C-alpha atoms as a PDB file:
ATOM      1  CA  UNK A   1       0.000   0.000   0.000  1.00  0.00           C
ATOM      2  CA  UNK A   2       1.507   3.365  -0.967  1.00  0.00           C
ATOM      3  CA  UNK A   3       1.688   6.287   1.449  1.00  0.00           C
ATOM      4  CA  UNK A   4      -1.625   8.121   1.581  1.00  0.00           C
ATOM      5  CA  UNK A   5      -1.105  11.580  -0.014  1.00  0.00           C
ATOM      6  CA  UNK A   6      -4.085  12.860   1.978  1.00  0.00           C
ATOM      7  CA  UNK A   7      -1.861  12.793   5.070  1.00  0.00           C
ATOM      8  CA  UNK A   8      -0.455  16.136   3.942  1.00  0.00           C
ATOM      9  CA  UNK A   9      -1.848  18.870   6.159  1.00  0.00           C
ATOM     10  CA  UNK A  10      -3.119  16.468   8.813  1.00  0.00           C
ATOM     11  CA  UNK A  11      -2.653  17.695  12.381  1.00  0.00           C
ATOM     12  CA  UNK A  12      -2.561  15.122  15.175  1.00  0.00           C
ATOM     13  CA  UNK A  13      -3.759  15.676  18.754  1.00  0.00           C
ATOM     14  CA  UNK A  14      -1.175  16.975  21.235  1.00  0.00           C
ATOM     15  CA  UNK A  15       0.824  14.305  23.016  1.00  0.00           C
ATOM     16  CA  UNK A  16       0.626  13.668  26.721  1.00  0.00           C
ATOM     17  CA  UNK A  17       2.925  16.071  28.587  1.00  0.00           C
ATOM     18  CA  UNK A  18       6.532  14.881  28.898  1.00  0.00           C
ATOM     19  CA  UNK A  19       8.417  15.881  32.055  1.00  0.00           C
ATOM     20  CA  UNK A  20      12.078  16.407  31.207  1.00  0.00           C
ATOM     21  CA  UNK A  21      14.128  14.678  33.894  1.00  0.00           C
ATOM     22  CA  UNK A  22      17.631  15.664  34.945  1.00  0.00           C
ATOM     23  CA  UNK A  23      18.958  12.122  34.578  1.00  0.00           C
ATOM     24  CA  UNK A  24      17.355  11.749  31.126  1.00  0.00           C
ATOM     25  CA  UNK A  25      19.161  14.922  30.023  1.00  0.00           C
ATOM     26  CA  UNK A  26      22.450  13.636  31.448  1.00  0.00           C
ATOM     27  CA  UNK A  27      22.001  10.211  29.805  1.00  0.00           C
ATOM     28  CA  UNK A  28      21.220  11.809  26.456  1.00  0.00           C
ATOM     29  CA  UNK A  29      24.161  14.216  26.768  1.00  0.00           C
ATOM     30  CA  UNK A  30      26.544  11.320  27.419  1.00  0.00           C
ATOM     31  CA  UNK A  31      25.055   9.326  24.521  1.00  0.00           C
ATOM     32  CA  UNK A  32      25.718  12.169  22.051  1.00  0.00           C
ATOM     33  CA  UNK A  33      29.111  12.999  23.592  1.00  0.00           C
ATOM     34  CA  UNK A  34      28.014  16.455  24.764  1.00  0.00           C
ATOM     35  CA  UNK A  35      30.774  17.784  27.007  1.00  0.00           C
ATOM     36  CA  UNK A  36      29.448  21.210  27.987  1.00  0.00           C
ATOM     37  CA  UNK A  37      29.134  21.271  31.799  1.00  0.00           C
ATOM     38  CA  UNK A  38      25.653  22.856  31.558  1.00  0.00           C
ATOM     39  CA  UNK A  39      24.421  19.545  30.075  1.00  0.00           C
ATOM     40  CA  UNK A  40      25.621  17.524  33.065  1.00  0.00           C
ATOM     41  CA  UNK A  41      26.113  19.694  36.143  1.00  0.00           C
ATOM     42  CA  UNK A  42      23.183  21.563  37.740  1.00  0.00           C
ATOM     43  CA  UNK A  43      25.560  24.044  39.392  1.00  0.00           C
ATOM     44  CA  UNK A  44      27.205  24.885  36.062  1.00  0.00           C
ATOM     45  CA  UNK A  45      23.768  25.284  34.469  1.00  0.00           C
ATOM     46  CA  UNK A  46      22.597  27.578  37.281  1.00  0.00           C
ATOM     47  CA  UNK A  47      25.798  29.639  37.005  1.00  0.00           C
ATOM     48  CA  UNK A  48      24.961  30.070  33.304  1.00  0.00           C
ATOM     49  CA  UNK A  49      21.456  31.332  34.166  1.00  0.00           C
ATOM     50  CA  UNK A  50      19.379  28.159  33.780  1.00  0.00           C
ATOM     51  CA  UNK A  51      17.122  26.507  36.366  1.00  0.00           C
ATOM     52  CA  UNK A  52      18.683  23.063  35.844  1.00  0.00           C
ATOM     53  CA  UNK A  53      20.756  21.080  33.359  1.00  0.00           C
ATOM     54  CA  UNK A  54      20.272  22.041  29.716  1.00  0.00           C
ATOM     55  CA  UNK A  55      19.466  19.365  27.156  1.00  0.00           C
ATOM     56  CA  UNK A  56      21.580  19.153  23.996  1.00  0.00           C
ATOM     57  CA  UNK A  57      19.607  20.602  21.048  1.00  0.00           C
ATOM     58  CA  UNK A  58      18.857  17.169  19.586  1.00  0.00           C
ATOM     59  CA  UNK A  59      17.101  16.056  22.804  1.00  0.00           C
ATOM     60  CA  UNK A  60      13.887  17.328  21.209  1.00  0.00           C
ATOM     61  CA  UNK A  61      13.780  14.067  19.243  1.00  0.00           C
ATOM     62  CA  UNK A  62      12.855  12.283  22.503  1.00  0.00           C
ATOM     63  CA  UNK A  63       9.643  14.294  22.666  1.00  0.00           C
ATOM     64  CA  UNK A  64       9.109  14.211  18.900  1.00  0.00           C
ATOM     65  CA  UNK A  65       9.165  10.406  18.953  1.00  0.00           C
ATOM     66  CA  UNK A  66       5.738  10.428  20.625  1.00  0.00           C
ATOM     67  CA  UNK A  67       4.281  12.362  17.703  1.00  0.00           C
ATOM     68  CA  UNK A  68       5.920  10.167  15.079  1.00  0.00           C
ATOM     69  CA  UNK A  69       4.425   7.135  16.845  1.00  0.00           C
ATOM     70  CA  UNK A  70       0.981   8.686  16.258  1.00  0.00           C
ATOM     71  CA  UNK A  71       1.734   9.034  12.550  1.00  0.00           C
ATOM     72  CA  UNK A  72       3.072   5.507  12.192  1.00  0.00           C
ATOM     73  CA  UNK A  73       0.051   4.073  14.014  1.00  0.00           C
ATOM     74  CA  UNK A  74      -2.424   5.869  11.738  1.00  0.00           C
ATOM     75  CA  UNK A  75      -4.407   3.122  10.025  1.00  0.00           C
ATOM     76  CA  UNK A  76      -4.866   4.978   6.742  1.00  0.00           C
ATOM     77  CA  UNK A  77      -1.284   6.327   6.480  1.00  0.00           C
ATOM     78  CA  UNK A  78       0.055   3.500   4.362  1.00  0.00           C
ATOM     79  CA  UNK A  79       3.420   3.665   6.135  1.00  0.00           C
ATOM     80  CA  UNK A  80       5.069   0.298   6.673  1.00  0.00           C
ATOM     81  CA  UNK A  81       7.672   1.013   9.365  1.00  0.00           C
ATOM     82  CA  UNK A  82       9.844  -1.877   8.165  1.00  0.00           C
ATOM     83  CA  UNK A  83      10.344   0.125   4.947  1.00  0.00           C
ATOM     84  CA  UNK A  84      11.144   3.490   6.593  1.00  0.00           C
ATOM     85  CA  UNK A  85      14.540   5.170   6.440  1.00  0.00           C
ATOM     86  CA  UNK A  86      15.153   8.427   8.284  1.00  0.00           C
ATOM     87  CA  UNK A  87      15.993  10.938   5.560  1.00  0.00           C
ATOM     88  CA  UNK A  88      16.484  14.255   7.378  1.00  0.00           C
ATOM     89  CA  UNK A  89      16.200  15.879  10.805  1.00  0.00           C
ATOM     90  CA  UNK A  90      16.144  19.586  11.658  1.00  0.00           C
ATOM     91  CA  UNK A  91      15.405  21.672  14.737  1.00  0.00           C
ATOM     92  CA  UNK A  92      14.311  25.285  15.148  1.00  0.00           C
ATOM     93  CA  UNK A  93      14.519  26.393  18.771  1.00  0.00           C
ATOM     94  CA  UNK A  94      13.100  29.349  20.610  1.00  0.00           C
ATOM     95  CA  UNK A  95      14.933  28.392  23.795  1.00  0.00           C
ATOM     96  CA  UNK A  96      16.838  25.389  25.161  1.00  0.00           C
ATOM     97  CA  UNK A  97      15.066  22.474  26.810  1.00  0.00           C
ATOM     98  CA  UNK A  98      15.871  22.371  30.522  1.00  0.00           C
ATOM     99  CA  UNK A  99      15.308  19.636  33.106  1.00  0.00           C
ATOM    100  CA  UNK A 100      11.959  20.304  34.762  1.00  0.00           C
ATOM    101  CA  UNK A 101      10.247  21.422  31.554  1.00  0.00           C
ATOM    102  CA  UNK A 102       6.822  19.911  30.943  1.00  0.00           C
ATOM    103  CA  UNK A 103       6.601  19.599  27.162  1.00  0.00           C
ATOM    104  CA  UNK A 104       3.730  18.825  24.816  1.00  0.00           C
ATOM    105  CA  UNK A 105       4.122  18.180  21.097  1.00  0.00           C
ATOM    106  CA  UNK A 106       1.739  18.508  18.183  1.00  0.00           C
ATOM    107  CA  UNK A 107       2.551  16.901  14.842  1.00  0.00           C
ATOM    108  CA  UNK A 108       1.603  18.297  11.450  1.00  0.00           C
ATOM    109  CA  UNK A 109       2.332  16.380   8.255  1.00  0.00           C
ATOM    110  CA  UNK A 110       3.717  19.183   6.114  1.00  0.00           C
ATOM    111  CA  UNK A 111       4.527  17.241   2.970  1.00  0.00           C
ATOM    112  CA  UNK A 112       3.952  13.914   1.233  1.00  0.00           C
ATOM    113  CA  UNK A 113       5.847  13.431  -2.021  1.00  0.00           C
ATOM    114  CA  UNK A 114       6.262  10.471  -4.346  1.00  0.00           C
ATOM    115  CA  UNK A 115       9.652   9.917  -5.947  1.00  0.00           C
ATOM    116  CA  UNK A 116       9.656   6.978  -8.297  1.00  0.00           C
ATOM    117  CA  UNK A 117       8.290   4.105  -6.255  1.00  0.00           C
ATOM    118  CA  UNK A 118       9.230   5.741  -2.955  1.00  0.00           C
ATOM    119  CA  UNK A 119       7.555   8.340  -0.752  1.00  0.00           C
ATOM    120  CA  UNK A 120       8.935  11.134   1.385  1.00  0.00           C
ATOM    121  CA  UNK A 121       6.872  12.232   4.378  1.00  0.00           C
ATOM    122  CA  UNK A 122       7.906  15.410   6.194  1.00  0.00           C
ATOM    123  CA  UNK A 123       6.445  15.882   9.652  1.00  0.00           C
ATOM    124  CA  UNK A 124       6.814  18.893  11.927  1.00  0.00           C
ATOM    125  CA  UNK A 125       6.458  18.486  15.674  1.00  0.00           C
ATOM    126  CA  UNK A 126       5.830  21.785  17.439  1.00  0.00           C
ATOM    127  CA  UNK A 127       6.915  21.424  21.061  1.00  0.00           C
ATOM    128  CA  UNK A 128       5.598  23.810  23.711  1.00  0.00           C
ATOM    129  CA  UNK A 129       6.110  24.201  27.444  1.00  0.00           C
ATOM    130  CA  UNK A 130       3.502  24.130  30.235  1.00  0.00           C
ATOM    131  CA  UNK A 131       2.661  27.790  29.589  1.00  0.00           C
ATOM    132  CA  UNK A 132       1.987  26.998  25.923  1.00  0.00           C
ATOM    133  CA  UNK A 133       5.089  28.851  24.747  1.00  0.00           C
ATOM    134  CA  UNK A 134       7.034  27.475  21.780  1.00  0.00           C
ATOM    135  CA  UNK A 135      10.296  25.751  22.715  1.00  0.00           C
ATOM    136  CA  UNK A 136      11.368  23.917  19.566  1.00  0.00           C
ATOM    137  CA  UNK A 137      10.050  22.574  16.290  1.00  0.00           C
ATOM    138  CA  UNK A 138      11.516  19.219  15.259  1.00  0.00           C
ATOM    139  CA  UNK A 139      11.213  18.434  11.553  1.00  0.00           C
ATOM    140  CA  UNK A 140      11.728  14.891  10.279  1.00  0.00           C
ATOM    141  CA  UNK A 141      11.632  13.544   6.769  1.00  0.00           C
ATOM    142  CA  UNK A 142      10.899   9.851   6.509  1.00  0.00           C
ATOM    143  CA  UNK A 143      11.664   7.986   3.307  1.00  0.00           C
ATOM    144  CA  UNK A 144       9.250   5.111   2.782  1.00  0.00           C
ATOM    145  CA  UNK A 145      10.731   2.646   0.319  1.00  0.00           C
ATOM    146  CA  UNK A 146       8.322   1.326  -2.267  1.00  0.00           C
ATOM    147  CA  UNK A 147       7.687  -2.297  -3.091  1.00  0.00           C
ATOM    148  CA  UNK A 148      10.611  -4.190  -4.519  1.00  0.00           C
END
């Protein structure tokens, strides 16, 4: 089944709030080899003007994953996850993610394109804090390989 072109423009319900934990930030920072003390040490983060440790910019993908799960579970999407390759990832931040943030994400499918027998699905996850203020938009392009 090919990817449903009518996905383009679809907006999914906001995800359940995600509480950013200090240890999750530290684990992620170590996994991506982030060495800035503000990513690991609360005192260094506070000295730099933050309330707690600061997540590396790519941490937003942890929250975005919840929205992509909604897309992949959509019965009419036509996306077979076993045929998906991650094509591109971008982030546009208003401010850094900090431990203690309560984040909610809303996914919009911004583009569905067919290229030969393959499809490219671009999805934008707008991530906001508890006050509803924008924190970061995570943009992923998924390449869905066509039938062999």
